[in-house]
């Protein structure tokens, strides 16, 4: 079904549900703790983790249990890892680009990029998002010298239990369309890798029904670490 027809038939209901969801959903804080570090032994790997609330660790109390902390622990078994987290809850892709542009230039071997949910909920079109992603990837290459870009798919938003139906179905539909654009974008660039579809299990989500809990972050970290190990061989 084309999106214009969905909006024509369900638009008023989706708007009301979106407004209500924003009012009643608890706003969870970003995870506390260090956002950079060095650990492990082996070949040196300089890693940037960048993105929105999922990158920032919303859903758990401390970075040890968040994506960055669990990914660092995974990779430290194979690398002397120097890592940095640059993430902010609520940002969309252009806002993340501006945030990174405002930071001092550094050099990284690889970046793990988690972004897109706020573009989906903010009404950005899939094609416009692809253009914004191209600008973000170019910035990462030019300003941070990144040689390997690992992009996480937009999570399966149809599994966000904090969203009522049919809004949940609609957000999942949009997320799938965004991921098709991401697949096409990654296919154009040899320095890009795309994660497999990320797992979200309702009982393992955070209290808001949107963000991952610690076990989901752990599973994501294991998948990402395997991809990074493969591309560093």
C-alpha atoms as a PDB file:
ATOM      1  CA  UNK A   1       0.000   0.000   0.000  1.00  0.00           C
ATOM      2  CA  UNK A   2       1.506   3.409  -0.922  1.00  0.00           C
ATOM      3  CA  UNK A   3       2.170   5.736   1.991  1.00  0.00           C
ATOM      4  CA  UNK A   4      -0.050   8.499   0.636  1.00  0.00           C
ATOM      5  CA  UNK A   5      -3.020   6.113   0.807  1.00  0.00           C
ATOM      6  CA  UNK A   6      -2.159   5.090   4.374  1.00  0.00           C
ATOM      7  CA  UNK A   7      -2.061   8.738   5.400  1.00  0.00           C
ATOM      8  CA  UNK A   8      -5.334   9.435   3.606  1.00  0.00           C
ATOM      9  CA  UNK A   9      -7.165   6.609   5.366  1.00  0.00           C
ATOM     10  CA  UNK A  10      -5.456   6.541   8.767  1.00  0.00           C
ATOM     11  CA  UNK A  11      -3.929  10.027   9.033  1.00  0.00           C
ATOM     12  CA  UNK A  12      -6.200  11.547  11.716  1.00  0.00           C
ATOM     13  CA  UNK A  13      -5.995   8.448  13.922  1.00  0.00           C
ATOM     14  CA  UNK A  14      -2.216   8.254  13.571  1.00  0.00           C
ATOM     15  CA  UNK A  15      -1.861  11.920  14.535  1.00  0.00           C
ATOM     16  CA  UNK A  16      -3.990  11.458  17.653  1.00  0.00           C
ATOM     17  CA  UNK A  17      -2.122   8.320  18.658  1.00  0.00           C
ATOM     18  CA  UNK A  18       1.236  10.013  18.132  1.00  0.00           C
ATOM     19  CA  UNK A  19       0.212  12.993  20.256  1.00  0.00           C
ATOM     20  CA  UNK A  20      -1.101  10.741  23.037  1.00  0.00           C
ATOM     21  CA  UNK A  21       1.991   8.527  22.977  1.00  0.00           C
ATOM     22  CA  UNK A  22       4.307  11.509  23.390  1.00  0.00           C
ATOM     23  CA  UNK A  23       2.254  12.673  26.387  1.00  0.00           C
ATOM     24  CA  UNK A  24       2.121   9.390  28.309  1.00  0.00           C
ATOM     25  CA  UNK A  25       5.449   7.733  27.473  1.00  0.00           C
ATOM     26  CA  UNK A  26       8.060   8.058  30.255  1.00  0.00           C
ATOM     27  CA  UNK A  27      11.208   9.897  29.163  1.00  0.00           C
ATOM     28  CA  UNK A  28      14.156   7.748  30.161  1.00  0.00           C
ATOM     29  CA  UNK A  29      17.586   9.319  30.665  1.00  0.00           C
ATOM     30  CA  UNK A  30      20.741   8.504  28.762  1.00  0.00           C
ATOM     31  CA  UNK A  31      22.970   5.954  30.458  1.00  0.00           C
ATOM     32  CA  UNK A  32      25.447   7.386  32.962  1.00  0.00           C
ATOM     33  CA  UNK A  33      29.152   6.637  32.817  1.00  0.00           C
ATOM     34  CA  UNK A  34      32.248   7.207  30.745  1.00  0.00           C
ATOM     35  CA  UNK A  35      31.908   7.917  27.034  1.00  0.00           C
ATOM     36  CA  UNK A  36      35.460   7.077  26.045  1.00  0.00           C
ATOM     37  CA  UNK A  37      38.135   4.674  27.111  1.00  0.00           C
ATOM     38  CA  UNK A  38      40.931   2.308  26.202  1.00  0.00           C
ATOM     39  CA  UNK A  39      41.031  -1.385  27.073  1.00  0.00           C
ATOM     40  CA  UNK A  40      42.100  -4.813  25.884  1.00  0.00           C
ATOM     41  CA  UNK A  41      45.177  -6.032  24.069  1.00  0.00           C
ATOM     42  CA  UNK A  42      46.115  -6.877  20.507  1.00  0.00           C
ATOM     43  CA  UNK A  43      46.056  -4.805  17.313  1.00  0.00           C
ATOM     44  CA  UNK A  44      45.016  -1.216  17.971  1.00  0.00           C
ATOM     45  CA  UNK A  45      41.464  -0.325  16.920  1.00  0.00           C
ATOM     46  CA  UNK A  46      40.147   3.235  17.189  1.00  0.00           C
ATOM     47  CA  UNK A  47      36.355   3.066  17.286  1.00  0.00           C
ATOM     48  CA  UNK A  48      33.676   5.761  17.204  1.00  0.00           C
ATOM     49  CA  UNK A  49      30.124   4.918  18.259  1.00  0.00           C
ATOM     50  CA  UNK A  50      27.697   7.621  17.148  1.00  0.00           C
ATOM     51  CA  UNK A  51      23.964   8.067  17.001  1.00  0.00           C
ATOM     52  CA  UNK A  52      20.730   8.698  18.825  1.00  0.00           C
ATOM     53  CA  UNK A  53      19.182   7.410  22.057  1.00  0.00           C
ATOM     54  CA  UNK A  54      20.028   3.767  21.427  1.00  0.00           C
ATOM     55  CA  UNK A  55      23.682   4.682  20.951  1.00  0.00           C
ATOM     56  CA  UNK A  56      23.477   6.866  24.076  1.00  0.00           C
ATOM     57  CA  UNK A  57      22.260   3.913  26.135  1.00  0.00           C
ATOM     58  CA  UNK A  58      18.717   5.026  26.905  1.00  0.00           C
ATOM     59  CA  UNK A  59      16.974   2.076  28.542  1.00  0.00           C
ATOM     60  CA  UNK A  60      19.741   1.099  30.962  1.00  0.00           C
ATOM     61  CA  UNK A  61      21.272   2.928  33.919  1.00  0.00           C
ATOM     62  CA  UNK A  62      24.972   2.751  33.048  1.00  0.00           C
ATOM     63  CA  UNK A  63      27.133   2.637  29.933  1.00  0.00           C
ATOM     64  CA  UNK A  64      28.515  -0.732  31.090  1.00  0.00           C
ATOM     65  CA  UNK A  65      25.129  -2.236  30.158  1.00  0.00           C
ATOM     66  CA  UNK A  66      24.561  -0.034  27.096  1.00  0.00           C
ATOM     67  CA  UNK A  67      25.649  -0.621  23.529  1.00  0.00           C
ATOM     68  CA  UNK A  68      28.986   1.196  23.817  1.00  0.00           C
ATOM     69  CA  UNK A  69      30.072  -0.500  27.029  1.00  0.00           C
ATOM     70  CA  UNK A  70      29.065  -3.982  25.955  1.00  0.00           C
ATOM     71  CA  UNK A  71      30.627  -3.544  22.522  1.00  0.00           C
ATOM     72  CA  UNK A  72      33.876  -2.347  24.091  1.00  0.00           C
ATOM     73  CA  UNK A  73      33.921  -5.405  26.356  1.00  0.00           C
ATOM     74  CA  UNK A  74      33.366  -7.697  23.355  1.00  0.00           C
ATOM     75  CA  UNK A  75      36.109  -6.126  21.231  1.00  0.00           C
ATOM     76  CA  UNK A  76      38.649  -5.886  24.052  1.00  0.00           C
ATOM     77  CA  UNK A  77      39.145  -9.652  23.800  1.00  0.00           C
ATOM     78  CA  UNK A  78      40.681  -9.179  20.324  1.00  0.00           C
ATOM     79  CA  UNK A  79      41.948  -5.594  20.145  1.00  0.00           C
ATOM     80  CA  UNK A  80      43.585  -2.853  22.131  1.00  0.00           C
ATOM     81  CA  UNK A  81      40.529  -0.721  21.793  1.00  0.00           C
ATOM     82  CA  UNK A  82      40.361   3.038  21.973  1.00  0.00           C
ATOM     83  CA  UNK A  83      36.723   4.045  21.798  1.00  0.00           C
ATOM     84  CA  UNK A  84      34.571   7.161  21.972  1.00  0.00           C
ATOM     85  CA  UNK A  85      30.810   7.623  22.145  1.00  0.00           C
ATOM     86  CA  UNK A  86      29.166  10.677  20.561  1.00  0.00           C
ATOM     87  CA  UNK A  87      25.415  10.312  20.857  1.00  0.00           C
ATOM     88  CA  UNK A  88      22.386  12.278  21.944  1.00  0.00           C
ATOM     89  CA  UNK A  89      18.841  11.205  22.626  1.00  0.00           C
ATOM     90  CA  UNK A  90      16.263  12.592  20.208  1.00  0.00           C
ATOM     91  CA  UNK A  91      18.563  13.534  17.334  1.00  0.00           C
ATOM     92  CA  UNK A  92      17.729  12.798  13.730  1.00  0.00           C
ATOM     93  CA  UNK A  93      20.344  12.370  11.001  1.00  0.00           C
ATOM     94  CA  UNK A  94      20.903  16.068  10.144  1.00  0.00           C
ATOM     95  CA  UNK A  95      21.136  16.883  13.857  1.00  0.00           C
ATOM     96  CA  UNK A  96      23.713  14.130  14.395  1.00  0.00           C
ATOM     97  CA  UNK A  97      25.696  15.495  11.453  1.00  0.00           C
ATOM     98  CA  UNK A  98      25.676  18.946  13.090  1.00  0.00           C
ATOM     99  CA  UNK A  99      26.686  17.448  16.439  1.00  0.00           C
ATOM    100  CA  UNK A 100      29.666  15.667  14.888  1.00  0.00           C
ATOM    101  CA  UNK A 101      30.598  18.779  12.906  1.00  0.00           C
ATOM    102  CA  UNK A 102      30.814  20.700  16.175  1.00  0.00           C
ATOM    103  CA  UNK A 103      33.313  18.257  17.681  1.00  0.00           C
ATOM    104  CA  UNK A 104      37.059  18.507  17.302  1.00  0.00           C
ATOM    105  CA  UNK A 105      38.401  16.398  14.458  1.00  0.00           C
ATOM    106  CA  UNK A 106      39.811  13.011  15.502  1.00  0.00           C
ATOM    107  CA  UNK A 107      40.954   9.922  13.673  1.00  0.00           C
ATOM    108  CA  UNK A 108      39.108   6.608  13.875  1.00  0.00           C
ATOM    109  CA  UNK A 109      39.533   3.306  12.092  1.00  0.00           C
ATOM    110  CA  UNK A 110      35.834   2.454  12.231  1.00  0.00           C
ATOM    111  CA  UNK A 111      32.482   3.865  13.232  1.00  0.00           C
ATOM    112  CA  UNK A 112      29.328   2.154  14.447  1.00  0.00           C
ATOM    113  CA  UNK A 113      26.365   4.312  13.471  1.00  0.00           C
ATOM    114  CA  UNK A 114      22.921   3.989  15.056  1.00  0.00           C
ATOM    115  CA  UNK A 115      20.503   6.551  13.621  1.00  0.00           C
ATOM    116  CA  UNK A 116      17.149   6.748  11.853  1.00  0.00           C
ATOM    117  CA  UNK A 117      14.351   6.204  14.365  1.00  0.00           C
ATOM    118  CA  UNK A 118      13.782   9.934  14.881  1.00  0.00           C
ATOM    119  CA  UNK A 119      13.815  10.486  11.121  1.00  0.00           C
ATOM    120  CA  UNK A 120      11.087   7.833  10.834  1.00  0.00           C
ATOM    121  CA  UNK A 121       8.942   9.375  13.580  1.00  0.00           C
ATOM    122  CA  UNK A 122       9.667  12.918  12.387  1.00  0.00           C
ATOM    123  CA  UNK A 123       8.062  12.387   8.982  1.00  0.00           C
ATOM    124  CA  UNK A 124      11.206  12.511   6.849  1.00  0.00           C
ATOM    125  CA  UNK A 125      10.790  10.765   3.502  1.00  0.00           C
ATOM    126  CA  UNK A 126      12.956   7.700   2.855  1.00  0.00           C
ATOM    127  CA  UNK A 127      14.676   9.389  -0.106  1.00  0.00           C
ATOM    128  CA  UNK A 128      15.422  12.545   1.876  1.00  0.00           C
ATOM    129  CA  UNK A 129      16.830  10.372   4.654  1.00  0.00           C
ATOM    130  CA  UNK A 130      19.144   8.642   2.200  1.00  0.00           C
ATOM    131  CA  UNK A 131      20.503  12.036   1.132  1.00  0.00           C
ATOM    132  CA  UNK A 132      21.006  13.025   4.771  1.00  0.00           C
ATOM    133  CA  UNK A 133      22.821   9.735   5.375  1.00  0.00           C
ATOM    134  CA  UNK A 134      25.126  10.372   2.435  1.00  0.00           C
ATOM    135  CA  UNK A 135      26.092  13.727   3.951  1.00  0.00           C
ATOM    136  CA  UNK A 136      26.690  12.121   7.346  1.00  0.00           C
ATOM    137  CA  UNK A 137      28.883   9.367   5.911  1.00  0.00           C
ATOM    138  CA  UNK A 138      30.924  11.895   3.958  1.00  0.00           C
ATOM    139  CA  UNK A 139      31.508  13.913   7.119  1.00  0.00           C
ATOM    140  CA  UNK A 140      32.690  10.811   8.965  1.00  0.00           C
ATOM    141  CA  UNK A 141      35.161  10.078   6.191  1.00  0.00           C
ATOM    142  CA  UNK A 142      36.494  13.607   5.795  1.00  0.00           C
ATOM    143  CA  UNK A 143      36.498  14.931   9.371  1.00  0.00           C
ATOM    144  CA  UNK A 144      37.251  11.734  11.273  1.00  0.00           C
ATOM    145  CA  UNK A 145      39.189   9.730   8.707  1.00  0.00           C
ATOM    146  CA  UNK A 146      36.922   6.714   9.157  1.00  0.00           C
ATOM    147  CA  UNK A 147      37.858   3.841   6.871  1.00  0.00           C
ATOM    148  CA  UNK A 148      35.128   1.372   7.854  1.00  0.00           C
ATOM    149  CA  UNK A 149      31.530   2.425   8.410  1.00  0.00           C
ATOM    150  CA  UNK A 150      29.214  -0.063  10.087  1.00  0.00           C
ATOM    151  CA  UNK A 151      25.591   1.018   9.830  1.00  0.00           C
ATOM    152  CA  UNK A 152      22.889  -0.437  12.032  1.00  0.00           C
ATOM    153  CA  UNK A 153      19.516  -0.981  10.434  1.00  0.00           C
ATOM    154  CA  UNK A 154      16.609   1.042  11.733  1.00  0.00           C
ATOM    155  CA  UNK A 155      15.156  -1.216  14.456  1.00  0.00           C
ATOM    156  CA  UNK A 156      11.933  -3.126  13.754  1.00  0.00           C
ATOM    157  CA  UNK A 157       9.602  -0.459  15.058  1.00  0.00           C
ATOM    158  CA  UNK A 158       6.588  -2.722  14.665  1.00  0.00           C
ATOM    159  CA  UNK A 159       7.977  -4.404  17.825  1.00  0.00           C
ATOM    160  CA  UNK A 160       7.881  -1.193  19.914  1.00  0.00           C
ATOM    161  CA  UNK A 161       5.295  -2.160  22.527  1.00  0.00           C
ATOM    162  CA  UNK A 162       5.068   1.465  23.664  1.00  0.00           C
ATOM    163  CA  UNK A 163       3.250   2.312  20.436  1.00  0.00           C
ATOM    164  CA  UNK A 164      -0.483   1.568  20.038  1.00  0.00           C
ATOM    165  CA  UNK A 165      -1.895  -0.024  16.924  1.00  0.00           C
ATOM    166  CA  UNK A 166      -2.150   0.962  14.096  1.00  0.00           C
ATOM    167  CA  UNK A 167       0.612   3.515  14.813  1.00  0.00           C
ATOM    168  CA  UNK A 168       3.006   0.698  15.664  1.00  0.00           C
ATOM    169  CA  UNK A 169       2.298  -1.022  12.354  1.00  0.00           C
ATOM    170  CA  UNK A 170       2.756   2.248  10.454  1.00  0.00           C
ATOM    171  CA  UNK A 171       6.090   3.042  12.118  1.00  0.00           C
ATOM    172  CA  UNK A 172       7.252  -0.496  11.288  1.00  0.00           C
ATOM    173  CA  UNK A 173       6.194   0.016   7.689  1.00  0.00           C
ATOM    174  CA  UNK A 174       8.208   3.234   7.480  1.00  0.00           C
ATOM    175  CA  UNK A 175      11.219   1.655   9.166  1.00  0.00           C
ATOM    176  CA  UNK A 176      11.258  -1.105   6.546  1.00  0.00           C
ATOM    177  CA  UNK A 177      11.178   1.498   3.765  1.00  0.00           C
ATOM    178  CA  UNK A 178      14.095   3.324   5.362  1.00  0.00           C
ATOM    179  CA  UNK A 179      16.077   0.100   5.563  1.00  0.00           C
ATOM    180  CA  UNK A 180      15.552  -0.507   1.850  1.00  0.00           C
ATOM    181  CA  UNK A 181      17.165   2.871   1.200  1.00  0.00           C
ATOM    182  CA  UNK A 182      19.986   1.935   3.575  1.00  0.00           C
ATOM    183  CA  UNK A 183      20.609  -1.309   1.692  1.00  0.00           C
ATOM    184  CA  UNK A 184      20.824   0.576  -1.594  1.00  0.00           C
ATOM    185  CA  UNK A 185      23.147   3.179  -0.092  1.00  0.00           C
ATOM    186  CA  UNK A 186      25.539   0.641   1.421  1.00  0.00           C
ATOM    187  CA  UNK A 187      25.723  -1.245  -1.870  1.00  0.00           C
ATOM    188  CA  UNK A 188      27.303   1.858  -3.450  1.00  0.00           C
ATOM    189  CA  UNK A 189      30.237   2.095  -1.034  1.00  0.00           C
ATOM    190  CA  UNK A 190      32.882  -0.600  -0.388  1.00  0.00           C
ATOM    191  CA  UNK A 191      33.770   0.977   2.975  1.00  0.00           C
ATOM    192  CA  UNK A 192      30.241   0.397   4.356  1.00  0.00           C
ATOM    193  CA  UNK A 193      28.829  -2.629   6.132  1.00  0.00           C
ATOM    194  CA  UNK A 194      25.186  -3.103   7.106  1.00  0.00           C
ATOM    195  CA  UNK A 195      24.053  -5.028  10.143  1.00  0.00           C
ATOM    196  CA  UNK A 196      21.516  -7.801   9.943  1.00  0.00           C
ATOM    197  CA  UNK A 197      18.028  -6.981  11.215  1.00  0.00           C
ATOM    198  CA  UNK A 198      18.286  -6.086  14.877  1.00  0.00           C
ATOM    199  CA  UNK A 199      16.387  -8.225  17.352  1.00  0.00           C
ATOM    200  CA  UNK A 200      13.780  -6.654  19.612  1.00  0.00           C
ATOM    201  CA  UNK A 201      11.810  -8.792  22.043  1.00  0.00           C
ATOM    202  CA  UNK A 202       8.948  -7.024  23.793  1.00  0.00           C
ATOM    203  CA  UNK A 203       9.631  -8.368  27.317  1.00  0.00           C
ATOM    204  CA  UNK A 204      13.294  -7.324  27.012  1.00  0.00           C
ATOM    205  CA  UNK A 205      12.562  -3.710  26.088  1.00  0.00           C
ATOM    206  CA  UNK A 206      13.041  -0.902  28.586  1.00  0.00           C
ATOM    207  CA  UNK A 207      10.145   0.414  30.652  1.00  0.00           C
ATOM    208  CA  UNK A 208       9.073   2.853  27.925  1.00  0.00           C
ATOM    209  CA  UNK A 209       8.448   0.092  25.385  1.00  0.00           C
ATOM    210  CA  UNK A 210      10.770   1.815  22.899  1.00  0.00           C
ATOM    211  CA  UNK A 211      14.372   1.338  23.939  1.00  0.00           C
ATOM    212  CA  UNK A 212      16.463  -1.796  24.391  1.00  0.00           C
ATOM    213  CA  UNK A 213      17.129  -3.305  27.773  1.00  0.00           C
ATOM    214  CA  UNK A 214      20.556  -4.620  28.779  1.00  0.00           C
ATOM    215  CA  UNK A 215      20.100  -8.071  27.206  1.00  0.00           C
ATOM    216  CA  UNK A 216      19.117  -6.578  23.838  1.00  0.00           C
ATOM    217  CA  UNK A 217      22.143  -4.271  23.927  1.00  0.00           C
ATOM    218  CA  UNK A 218      24.306  -7.308  24.706  1.00  0.00           C
ATOM    219  CA  UNK A 219      22.927  -9.174  21.692  1.00  0.00           C
ATOM    220  CA  UNK A 220      23.456  -6.156  19.435  1.00  0.00           C
ATOM    221  CA  UNK A 221      27.030  -5.776  20.698  1.00  0.00           C
ATOM    222  CA  UNK A 222      27.826  -9.411  19.887  1.00  0.00           C
ATOM    223  CA  UNK A 223      26.527  -9.036  16.320  1.00  0.00           C
ATOM    224  CA  UNK A 224      28.418  -5.790  15.745  1.00  0.00           C
ATOM    225  CA  UNK A 225      31.646  -7.165  17.234  1.00  0.00           C
ATOM    226  CA  UNK A 226      31.533 -10.127  14.853  1.00  0.00           C
ATOM    227  CA  UNK A 227      31.136  -7.789  11.881  1.00  0.00           C
ATOM    228  CA  UNK A 228      34.041  -5.622  13.004  1.00  0.00           C
ATOM    229  CA  UNK A 229      36.269  -8.634  13.569  1.00  0.00           C
ATOM    230  CA  UNK A 230      35.456  -9.876  10.080  1.00  0.00           C
ATOM    231  CA  UNK A 231      36.261  -6.577   8.376  1.00  0.00           C
ATOM    232  CA  UNK A 232      39.535  -6.208  10.316  1.00  0.00           C
ATOM    233  CA  UNK A 233      40.908  -9.555   9.117  1.00  0.00           C
END
